[in-house]
Amino acid sequence: VSSTAAQLHRGGVAQIVAHFGPVYDALSTNAETAFYR
């Protein structure tokens, strides 16, 4: 099955940020905070 990110990108979304596999809740939040800054 095509990954969620690849399907969205193929479907017309220009940019996508995603994770492989599982990610810890707080670790994901740390990444999001740094990203949006």
Full PDB file with SEQRES, HELIX, SHEET, SSBOND, CRYST1, ORIGX, SCALE, CONECT and MASTER records, all heavy atoms in Angstrom:
SEQRES   1 A   37  VAL SER SER THR ALA ALA GLN LEU HIS ARG GLY GLY VAL          
SEQRES   2 A   37  ALA GLN ILE VAL ALA HIS PHE GLY PRO VAL TYR ASP ALA          
SEQRES   3 A   37  LEU SER THR ASN ALA GLU THR ALA PHE TYR ARG                  
HELIX    1 AA1 THR A    4  ARG A   10  1                                   7    
HELIX    2 AA2 ASP A   25  TYR A   36  1                                  12    
CRYST1    1.000    1.000    1.000  90.00  90.00  90.00 P 1           1          
ORIGX1      1.000000  0.000000  0.000000        0.00000                         
ORIGX2      0.000000  1.000000  0.000000        0.00000                         
ORIGX3      0.000000  0.000000  1.000000        0.00000                         
SCALE1      1.000000  0.000000  0.000000        0.00000                         
SCALE2      0.000000  1.000000  0.000000        0.00000                         
SCALE3      0.000000  0.000000  1.000000        0.00000                         
ATOM      1  N   VAL A   1       0.852  -1.180   0.000  1.00  0.00           N  
ATOM      2  CA  VAL A   1       0.000   0.000   0.000  1.00  0.00           C  
ATOM      3  C   VAL A   1       0.890   1.232   0.000  1.00  0.00           C  
ATOM      4  O   VAL A   1       1.837   1.333   0.767  1.00  0.00           O  
ATOM      5  CB  VAL A   1      -0.932   0.015   1.231  1.00  0.00           C  
ATOM      6  CG1 VAL A   1      -1.640   1.349   1.338  1.00  0.00           C  
ATOM      7  CG2 VAL A   1      -1.952  -1.104   1.136  1.00  0.00           C  
ATOM      8  N   SER A   2       0.577   2.177  -0.872  1.00  0.00           N  
ATOM      9  CA  SER A   2       1.351   3.415  -0.920  1.00  0.00           C  
ATOM     10  C   SER A   2       1.232   4.141   0.409  1.00  0.00           C  
ATOM     11  O   SER A   2       0.191   4.132   1.051  1.00  0.00           O  
ATOM     12  CB  SER A   2       0.830   4.299  -2.051  1.00  0.00           C  
ATOM     13  OG  SER A   2       1.536   5.506  -2.101  1.00  0.00           O  
ATOM     14  N   SER A   3       2.315   4.787   0.835  1.00  0.00           N  
ATOM     15  CA  SER A   3       2.298   5.504   2.112  1.00  0.00           C  
ATOM     16  C   SER A   3       1.348   6.688   2.040  1.00  0.00           C  
ATOM     17  O   SER A   3       1.013   7.198   0.962  1.00  0.00           O  
ATOM     18  CB  SER A   3       3.705   5.981   2.466  1.00  0.00           C  
ATOM     19  OG  SER A   3       4.089   7.053   1.621  1.00  0.00           O  
ATOM     20  N   THR A   4       0.910   7.139   3.204  1.00  0.00           N  
ATOM     21  CA  THR A   4       0.019   8.295   3.283  1.00  0.00           C  
ATOM     22  C   THR A   4       0.658   9.512   2.626  1.00  0.00           C  
ATOM     23  O   THR A   4       0.022  10.225   1.847  1.00  0.00           O  
ATOM     24  CB  THR A   4      -0.313   8.601   4.749  1.00  0.00           C  
ATOM     25  OG1 THR A   4      -0.930   7.451   5.346  1.00  0.00           O  
ATOM     26  CG2 THR A   4      -1.251   9.793   4.875  1.00  0.00           C  
ATOM     27  N   ALA A   5       1.945   9.758   2.941  1.00  0.00           N  
ATOM     28  CA  ALA A   5       2.628  10.927   2.396  1.00  0.00           C  
ATOM     29  C   ALA A   5       2.723  10.860   0.873  1.00  0.00           C  
ATOM     30  O   ALA A   5       2.459  11.847   0.178  1.00  0.00           O  
ATOM     31  CB  ALA A   5       4.018  11.046   3.013  1.00  0.00           C  
ATOM     32  N   ALA A   6       3.100   9.698   0.344  1.00  0.00           N  
ATOM     33  CA  ALA A   6       3.238   9.561  -1.102  1.00  0.00           C  
ATOM     34  C   ALA A   6       1.897   9.739  -1.806  1.00  0.00           C  
ATOM     35  O   ALA A   6       1.818  10.350  -2.878  1.00  0.00           O  
ATOM     36  CB  ALA A   6       3.844   8.200  -1.450  1.00  0.00           C  
ATOM     37  N   GLN A   7       0.822   9.237  -1.207  1.00  0.00           N  
ATOM     38  CA  GLN A   7      -0.496   9.390  -1.823  1.00  0.00           C  
ATOM     39  C   GLN A   7      -0.939  10.848  -1.846  1.00  0.00           C  
ATOM     40  O   GLN A   7      -1.496  11.325  -2.844  1.00  0.00           O  
ATOM     41  CB  GLN A   7      -1.523   8.545  -1.067  1.00  0.00           C  
ATOM     42  CG  GLN A   7      -1.369   7.050  -1.274  1.00  0.00           C  
ATOM     43  CD  GLN A   7      -2.455   6.273  -0.570  1.00  0.00           C  
ATOM     44  OE1 GLN A   7      -3.613   6.282  -0.991  1.00  0.00           O  
ATOM     45  NE2 GLN A   7      -2.116   5.607   0.505  1.00  0.00           N  
ATOM     46  N   LEU A   8      -0.713  11.563  -0.754  1.00  0.00           N  
ATOM     47  CA  LEU A   8      -1.072  12.985  -0.716  1.00  0.00           C  
ATOM     48  C   LEU A   8      -0.270  13.775  -1.743  1.00  0.00           C  
ATOM     49  O   LEU A   8      -0.793  14.658  -2.425  1.00  0.00           O  
ATOM     50  CB  LEU A   8      -0.836  13.554   0.690  1.00  0.00           C  
ATOM     51  CG  LEU A   8      -1.827  13.139   1.772  1.00  0.00           C  
ATOM     52  CD1 LEU A   8      -1.354  13.630   3.135  1.00  0.00           C  
ATOM     53  CD2 LEU A   8      -3.216  13.686   1.479  1.00  0.00           C  
ATOM     54  N   HIS A   9       1.029  13.457  -1.842  1.00  0.00           N  
ATOM     55  CA  HIS A   9       1.893  14.164  -2.781  1.00  0.00           C  
ATOM     56  C   HIS A   9       1.482  13.868  -4.222  1.00  0.00           C  
ATOM     57  O   HIS A   9       1.383  14.769  -5.064  1.00  0.00           O  
ATOM     58  CB  HIS A   9       3.339  13.736  -2.539  1.00  0.00           C  
ATOM     59  CG  HIS A   9       4.354  14.601  -3.219  1.00  0.00           C  
ATOM     60  ND1 HIS A   9       4.385  15.969  -3.092  1.00  0.00           N  
ATOM     61  CD2 HIS A   9       5.392  14.286  -4.034  1.00  0.00           C  
ATOM     62  CE1 HIS A   9       5.397  16.462  -3.799  1.00  0.00           C  
ATOM     63  NE2 HIS A   9       6.011  15.454  -4.386  1.00  0.00           N  
ATOM     64  N   ARG A  10       1.213  12.606  -4.495  1.00  0.00           N  
ATOM     65  CA  ARG A  10       0.770  12.211  -5.832  1.00  0.00           C  
ATOM     66  C   ARG A  10      -0.581  12.828  -6.147  1.00  0.00           C  
ATOM     67  O   ARG A  10      -0.899  13.115  -7.309  1.00  0.00           O  
ATOM     68  CB  ARG A  10       0.703  10.678  -5.902  1.00  0.00           C  
ATOM     69  CG  ARG A  10       0.464  10.129  -7.295  1.00  0.00           C  
ATOM     70  CD  ARG A  10       0.464   8.606  -7.293  1.00  0.00           C  
ATOM     71  NE  ARG A  10       1.818   8.047  -7.228  1.00  0.00           N  
ATOM     72  CZ  ARG A  10       2.329   7.411  -6.181  1.00  0.00           C  
ATOM     73  NH1 ARG A  10       1.581   7.254  -5.086  1.00  0.00           N  
ATOM     74  NH2 ARG A  10       3.549   6.936  -6.195  1.00  0.00           N  
ATOM     75  N   GLY A  11      -1.392  13.056  -5.107  1.00  0.00           N  
ATOM     76  CA  GLY A  11      -2.723  13.628  -5.292  1.00  0.00           C  
ATOM     77  C   GLY A  11      -2.739  15.131  -5.456  1.00  0.00           C  
ATOM     78  O   GLY A  11      -3.813  15.716  -5.611  1.00  0.00           O  
ATOM     79  N   GLY A  12      -1.571  15.790  -5.393  1.00  0.00           N  
ATOM     80  CA  GLY A  12      -1.533  17.211  -5.708  1.00  0.00           C  
ATOM     81  C   GLY A  12      -1.030  18.123  -4.614  1.00  0.00           C  
ATOM     82  O   GLY A  12      -0.954  19.335  -4.829  1.00  0.00           O  
ATOM     83  N   VAL A  13      -0.693  17.612  -3.428  1.00  0.00           N  
ATOM     84  CA  VAL A  13      -0.160  18.461  -2.363  1.00  0.00           C  
ATOM     85  C   VAL A  13       1.327  18.689  -2.628  1.00  0.00           C  
ATOM     86  O   VAL A  13       2.096  17.731  -2.748  1.00  0.00           O  
ATOM     87  CB  VAL A  13      -0.372  17.830  -0.974  1.00  0.00           C  
ATOM     88  CG1 VAL A  13       0.158  18.752   0.118  1.00  0.00           C  
ATOM     89  CG2 VAL A  13      -1.848  17.535  -0.741  1.00  0.00           C  
ATOM     90  N   ALA A  14       1.748  19.943  -2.718  1.00  0.00           N  
ATOM     91  CA  ALA A  14       3.122  20.261  -3.152  1.00  0.00           C  
ATOM     92  C   ALA A  14       4.174  19.847  -2.137  1.00  0.00           C  
ATOM     93  O   ALA A  14       5.246  19.361  -2.503  1.00  0.00           O  
ATOM     94  CB  ALA A  14       3.241  21.756  -3.446  1.00  0.00           C  
ATOM     95  N   GLN A  15       3.897  20.046  -0.851  1.00  0.00           N  
ATOM     96  CA  GLN A  15       4.893  19.741   0.185  1.00  0.00           C  
ATOM     97  C   GLN A  15       4.241  18.956   1.316  1.00  0.00           C  
ATOM     98  O   GLN A  15       3.129  19.279   1.750  1.00  0.00           O  
ATOM     99  CB  GLN A  15       5.522  21.013   0.745  1.00  0.00           C  
ATOM    100  CG  GLN A  15       6.422  21.746  -0.232  1.00  0.00           C  
ATOM    101  CD  GLN A  15       7.170  22.897   0.418  1.00  0.00           C  
ATOM    102  OE1 GLN A  15       6.702  23.509   1.380  1.00  0.00           O  
ATOM    103  NE2 GLN A  15       8.354  23.209  -0.095  1.00  0.00           N  
ATOM    104  N   ILE A  16       4.951  17.945   1.800  1.00  0.00           N  
ATOM    105  CA  ILE A  16       4.464  17.111   2.907  1.00  0.00           C  
ATOM    106  C   ILE A  16       5.618  16.797   3.826  1.00  0.00           C  
ATOM    107  O   ILE A  16       6.734  16.499   3.382  1.00  0.00           O  
ATOM    108  CB  ILE A  16       3.847  15.791   2.385  1.00  0.00           C  
ATOM    109  CG1 ILE A  16       2.612  16.075   1.526  1.00  0.00           C  
ATOM    110  CG2 ILE A  16       3.444  14.882   3.532  1.00  0.00           C  
ATOM    111  CD1 ILE A  16       2.374  15.075   0.468  1.00  0.00           C  
ATOM    112  N   VAL A  17       5.362  16.860   5.117  1.00  0.00           N  
ATOM    113  CA  VAL A  17       6.307  16.425   6.143  1.00  0.00           C  
ATOM    114  C   VAL A  17       5.656  15.263   6.883  1.00  0.00           C  
ATOM    115  O   VAL A  17       4.472  15.333   7.230  1.00  0.00           O  
ATOM    116  CB  VAL A  17       6.650  17.564   7.121  1.00  0.00           C  
ATOM    117  CG1 VAL A  17       7.573  17.068   8.224  1.00  0.00           C  
ATOM    118  CG2 VAL A  17       7.293  18.738   6.379  1.00  0.00           C  
ATOM    119  N   ALA A  18       6.401  14.181   7.094  1.00  0.00           N  
ATOM    120  CA  ALA A  18       5.815  12.989   7.699  1.00  0.00           C  
ATOM    121  C   ALA A  18       6.891  12.201   8.434  1.00  0.00           C  
ATOM    122  O   ALA A  18       8.084  12.487   8.319  1.00  0.00           O  
ATOM    123  CB  ALA A  18       5.159  12.115   6.627  1.00  0.00           C  
ATOM    124  N   HIS A  19       6.446  11.197   9.194  1.00  0.00           N  
ATOM    125  CA  HIS A  19       7.349  10.321   9.937  1.00  0.00           C  
ATOM    126  C   HIS A  19       7.281   8.904   9.376  1.00  0.00           C  
ATOM    127  O   HIS A  19       6.221   8.421   8.984  1.00  0.00           O  
ATOM    128  CB  HIS A  19       6.963  10.257  11.425  1.00  0.00           C  
ATOM    129  CG  HIS A  19       7.114  11.545  12.165  1.00  0.00           C  
ATOM    130  ND1 HIS A  19       8.298  11.970  12.695  1.00  0.00           N  
ATOM    131  CD2 HIS A  19       6.205  12.508  12.458  1.00  0.00           C  
ATOM    132  CE1 HIS A  19       8.125  13.133  13.300  1.00  0.00           C  
ATOM    133  NE2 HIS A  19       6.871  13.481  13.164  1.00  0.00           N  
ATOM    134  N   PHE A  20       8.439   8.224   9.377  1.00  0.00           N  
ATOM    135  CA  PHE A  20       8.455   6.777   9.227  1.00  0.00           C  
ATOM    136  C   PHE A  20       7.984   6.171  10.555  1.00  0.00           C  
ATOM    137  O   PHE A  20       8.344   6.653  11.624  1.00  0.00           O  
ATOM    138  CB  PHE A  20       9.875   6.271   8.988  1.00  0.00           C  
ATOM    139  CG  PHE A  20      10.352   6.358   7.565  1.00  0.00           C  
ATOM    140  CD1 PHE A  20      11.479   7.093   7.251  1.00  0.00           C  
ATOM    141  CD2 PHE A  20       9.700   5.695   6.554  1.00  0.00           C  
ATOM    142  CE1 PHE A  20      11.948   7.167   5.955  1.00  0.00           C  
ATOM    143  CE2 PHE A  20      10.152   5.754   5.243  1.00  0.00           C  
ATOM    144  CZ  PHE A  20      11.277   6.491   4.947  1.00  0.00           C  
ATOM    145  N   GLY A  21       7.216   5.099  10.484  1.00  0.00           N  
ATOM    146  CA  GLY A  21       6.934   4.300  11.675  1.00  0.00           C  
ATOM    147  C   GLY A  21       6.373   5.081  12.845  1.00  0.00           C  
ATOM    148  O   GLY A  21       5.833   6.175  12.694  1.00  0.00           O  
ATOM    149  N   PRO A  22       6.497   4.536  14.068  1.00  0.00           N  
ATOM    150  CA  PRO A  22       5.986   5.208  15.258  1.00  0.00           C  
ATOM    151  C   PRO A  22       6.870   6.376  15.673  1.00  0.00           C  
ATOM    152  O   PRO A  22       8.065   6.412  15.381  1.00  0.00           O  
ATOM    153  CB  PRO A  22       6.013   4.101  16.334  1.00  0.00           C  
ATOM    154  CG  PRO A  22       6.201   2.826  15.584  1.00  0.00           C  
ATOM    155  CD  PRO A  22       6.970   3.181  14.356  1.00  0.00           C  
ATOM    156  N   VAL A  23       6.268   7.327  16.396  1.00  0.00           N  
ATOM    157  CA  VAL A  23       7.018   8.458  16.948  1.00  0.00           C  
ATOM    158  C   VAL A  23       6.397   8.809  18.289  1.00  0.00           C  
ATOM    159  O   VAL A  23       5.179   8.762  18.461  1.00  0.00           O  
ATOM    160  CB  VAL A  23       6.984   9.677  15.994  1.00  0.00           C  
ATOM    161  CG1 VAL A  23       5.565  10.131  15.714  1.00  0.00           C  
ATOM    162  CG2 VAL A  23       7.822  10.821  16.548  1.00  0.00           C  
ATOM    163  N   TYR A  24       7.238   9.117  19.264  1.00  0.00           N  
ATOM    164  CA  TYR A  24       6.732   9.505  20.574  1.00  0.00           C  
ATOM    165  C   TYR A  24       5.983  10.825  20.485  1.00  0.00           C  
ATOM    166  O   TYR A  24       6.337  11.718  19.708  1.00  0.00           O  
ATOM    167  CB  TYR A  24       7.879   9.635  21.569  1.00  0.00           C  
ATOM    168  CG  TYR A  24       8.355   8.315  22.127  1.00  0.00           C  
ATOM    169  CD1 TYR A  24       9.548   7.743  21.702  1.00  0.00           C  
ATOM    170  CD2 TYR A  24       7.598   7.649  23.083  1.00  0.00           C  
ATOM    171  CE1 TYR A  24       9.969   6.530  22.203  1.00  0.00           C  
ATOM    172  CE2 TYR A  24       8.025   6.426  23.597  1.00  0.00           C  
ATOM    173  CZ  TYR A  24       9.207   5.869  23.153  1.00  0.00           C  
ATOM    174  OH  TYR A  24       9.627   4.671  23.649  1.00  0.00           O  
ATOM    175  N   ASP A  25       4.946  10.960  21.320  1.00  0.00           N  
ATOM    176  CA  ASP A  25       4.099  12.139  21.311  1.00  0.00           C  
ATOM    177  C   ASP A  25       4.913  13.415  21.551  1.00  0.00           C  
ATOM    178  O   ASP A  25       4.869  14.361  20.759  1.00  0.00           O  
ATOM    179  CB  ASP A  25       3.024  11.977  22.384  1.00  0.00           C  
ATOM    180  CG  ASP A  25       1.935  13.038  22.285  1.00  0.00           C  
ATOM    181  OD1 ASP A  25       1.781  13.661  21.216  1.00  0.00           O  
ATOM    182  OD2 ASP A  25       1.249  13.258  23.292  1.00  0.00           O  
ATOM    183  N   ALA A  26       5.665  13.453  22.647  1.00  0.00           N  
ATOM    184  CA  ALA A  26       6.425  14.662  22.981  1.00  0.00           C  
ATOM    185  C   ALA A  26       7.541  14.923  21.972  1.00  0.00           C  
ATOM    186  O   ALA A  26       7.859  16.074  21.664  1.00  0.00           O  
ATOM    187  CB  ALA A  26       7.000  14.551  24.399  1.00  0.00           C  
ATOM    188  N   LEU A  27       8.159  13.869  21.447  1.00  0.00           N  
ATOM    189  CA  LEU A  27       9.217  14.036  20.459  1.00  0.00           C  
ATOM    190  C   LEU A  27       8.653  14.642  19.180  1.00  0.00           C  
ATOM    191  O   LEU A  27       9.271  15.515  18.556  1.00  0.00           O  
ATOM    192  CB  LEU A  27       9.878  12.688  20.170  1.00  0.00           C  
ATOM    193  CG  LEU A  27      11.142  12.695  19.302  1.00  0.00           C  
ATOM    194  CD1 LEU A  27      12.194  13.611  19.894  1.00  0.00           C  
ATOM    195  CD2 LEU A  27      11.691  11.290  19.159  1.00  0.00           C  
ATOM    196  N   SER A  28       7.468  14.199  18.791  1.00  0.00           N  
ATOM    197  CA  SER A  28       6.806  14.787  17.630  1.00  0.00           C  
ATOM    198  C   SER A  28       6.493  16.259  17.879  1.00  0.00           C  
ATOM    199  O   SER A  28       6.690  17.106  17.002  1.00  0.00           O  
ATOM    200  CB  SER A  28       5.510  14.021  17.320  1.00  0.00           C  
ATOM    201  OG  SER A  28       4.795  14.634  16.273  1.00  0.00           O  
ATOM    202  N   THR A  29       6.014  16.565  19.077  1.00  0.00           N  
ATOM    203  CA  THR A  29       5.693  17.957  19.400  1.00  0.00           C  
ATOM    204  C   THR A  29       6.936  18.828  19.379  1.00  0.00           C  
ATOM    205  O   THR A  29       6.895  19.980  18.917  1.00  0.00           O  
ATOM    206  CB  THR A  29       5.009  18.036  20.781  1.00  0.00           C  
ATOM    207  OG1 THR A  29       3.810  17.241  20.752  1.00  0.00           O  
ATOM    208  CG2 THR A  29       4.646  19.466  21.131  1.00  0.00           C  
ATOM    209  N   ASN A  30       8.061  18.313  19.865  1.00  0.00           N  
ATOM    210  CA  ASN A  30       9.318  19.075  19.807  1.00  0.00           C  
ATOM    211  C   ASN A  30       9.683  19.413  18.370  1.00  0.00           C  
ATOM    212  O   ASN A  30      10.113  20.530  18.059  1.00  0.00           O  
ATOM    213  CB  ASN A  30      10.452  18.272  20.452  1.00  0.00           C  
ATOM    214  CG  ASN A  30      10.296  18.124  21.949  1.00  0.00           C  
ATOM    215  OD1 ASN A  30       9.501  18.832  22.578  1.00  0.00           O  
ATOM    216  ND2 ASN A  30      11.028  17.205  22.536  1.00  0.00           N  
ATOM    217  N   ALA A  31       9.528  18.432  17.478  1.00  0.00           N  
ATOM    218  CA  ALA A  31       9.851  18.659  16.071  1.00  0.00           C  
ATOM    219  C   ALA A  31       8.912  19.684  15.455  1.00  0.00           C  
ATOM    220  O   ALA A  31       9.347  20.580  14.709  1.00  0.00           O  
ATOM    221  CB  ALA A  31       9.768  17.337  15.302  1.00  0.00           C  
ATOM    222  N   GLU A  32       7.614  19.583  15.762  1.00  0.00           N  
ATOM    223  CA  GLU A  32       6.648  20.526  15.215  1.00  0.00           C  
ATOM    224  C   GLU A  32       6.955  21.954  15.667  1.00  0.00           C  
ATOM    225  O   GLU A  32       6.892  22.902  14.877  1.00  0.00           O  
ATOM    226  CB  GLU A  32       5.241  20.150  15.678  1.00  0.00           C  
ATOM    227  CG  GLU A  32       4.749  18.808  15.184  1.00  0.00           C  
ATOM    228  CD  GLU A  32       3.613  18.290  16.037  1.00  0.00           C  
ATOM    229  OE1 GLU A  32       2.720  19.104  16.375  1.00  0.00           O  
ATOM    230  OE2 GLU A  32       3.619  17.097  16.387  1.00  0.00           O  
ATOM    231  N   THR A  33       7.288  22.104  16.952  1.00  0.00           N  
ATOM    232  CA  THR A  33       7.581  23.432  17.487  1.00  0.00           C  
ATOM    233  C   THR A  33       8.781  24.048  16.777  1.00  0.00           C  
ATOM    234  O   THR A  33       8.750  25.212  16.360  1.00  0.00           O  
ATOM    235  CB  THR A  33       7.837  23.350  19.000  1.00  0.00           C  
ATOM    236  OG1 THR A  33       6.701  22.750  19.652  1.00  0.00           O  
ATOM    237  CG2 THR A  33       8.074  24.727  19.588  1.00  0.00           C  
ATOM    238  N   ALA A  34       9.850  23.264  16.626  1.00  0.00           N  
ATOM    239  CA  ALA A  34      11.039  23.766  15.927  1.00  0.00           C  
ATOM    240  C   ALA A  34      10.711  24.091  14.474  1.00  0.00           C  
ATOM    241  O   ALA A  34      11.194  25.094  13.925  1.00  0.00           O  
ATOM    242  CB  ALA A  34      12.161  22.722  15.996  1.00  0.00           C  
ATOM    243  N   PHE A  35       9.893  23.267  13.850  1.00  0.00           N  
ATOM    244  CA  PHE A  35       9.519  23.472  12.449  1.00  0.00           C  
ATOM    245  C   PHE A  35       8.782  24.788  12.274  1.00  0.00           C  
ATOM    246  O   PHE A  35       9.145  25.622  11.429  1.00  0.00           O  
ATOM    247  CB  PHE A  35       8.651  22.296  11.984  1.00  0.00           C  
ATOM    248  CG  PHE A  35       8.164  22.414  10.573  1.00  0.00           C  
ATOM    249  CD1 PHE A  35       8.911  21.899   9.526  1.00  0.00           C  
ATOM    250  CD2 PHE A  35       6.952  23.041  10.281  1.00  0.00           C  
ATOM    251  CE1 PHE A  35       8.464  22.002   8.218  1.00  0.00           C  
ATOM    252  CE2 PHE A  35       6.509  23.156   8.973  1.00  0.00           C  
ATOM    253  CZ  PHE A  35       7.264  22.634   7.943  1.00  0.00           C  
ATOM    254  N   TYR A  36       7.738  25.004  13.063  1.00  0.00           N  
ATOM    255  CA  TYR A  36       6.907  26.190  12.860  1.00  0.00           C  
ATOM    256  C   TYR A  36       7.591  27.474  13.320  1.00  0.00           C  
ATOM    257  O   TYR A  36       7.233  28.562  12.851  1.00  0.00           O  
ATOM    258  CB  TYR A  36       5.548  25.998  13.526  1.00  0.00           C  
ATOM    259  CG  TYR A  36       4.672  25.032  12.766  1.00  0.00           C  
ATOM    260  CD1 TYR A  36       4.289  23.813  13.321  1.00  0.00           C  
ATOM    261  CD2 TYR A  36       4.250  25.326  11.468  1.00  0.00           C  
ATOM    262  CE1 TYR A  36       3.504  22.916  12.607  1.00  0.00           C  
ATOM    263  CE2 TYR A  36       3.467  24.437  10.752  1.00  0.00           C  
ATOM    264  CZ  TYR A  36       3.090  23.235  11.325  1.00  0.00           C  
ATOM    265  OH  TYR A  36       2.319  22.352  10.608  1.00  0.00           O  
ATOM    266  N   ARG A  37       8.552  27.366  14.189  1.00  0.00           N  
ATOM    267  CA  ARG A  37       9.335  28.564  14.516  1.00  0.00           C  
ATOM    268  C   ARG A  37      10.063  29.086  13.286  1.00  0.00           C  
ATOM    269  O   ARG A  37      10.152  30.297  13.065  1.00  0.00           O  
ATOM    270  CB  ARG A  37      10.346  28.239  15.619  1.00  0.00           C  
ATOM    271  CG  ARG A  37       9.765  28.194  17.030  1.00  0.00           C  
ATOM    272  CD  ARG A  37      10.839  27.788  18.011  1.00  0.00           C  
ATOM    273  NE  ARG A  37      10.312  27.679  19.365  1.00  0.00           N  
ATOM    274  CZ  ARG A  37      10.905  27.000  20.346  1.00  0.00           C  
ATOM    275  NH1 ARG A  37      12.045  26.359  20.096  1.00  0.00           N  
ATOM    276  NH2 ARG A  37      10.381  26.955  21.543  1.00  0.00           N  
TER     277      ARG A  37                                                      
MASTER        0    0    0    2    0    0    0    6  276    1    0    3          
END                                                                             
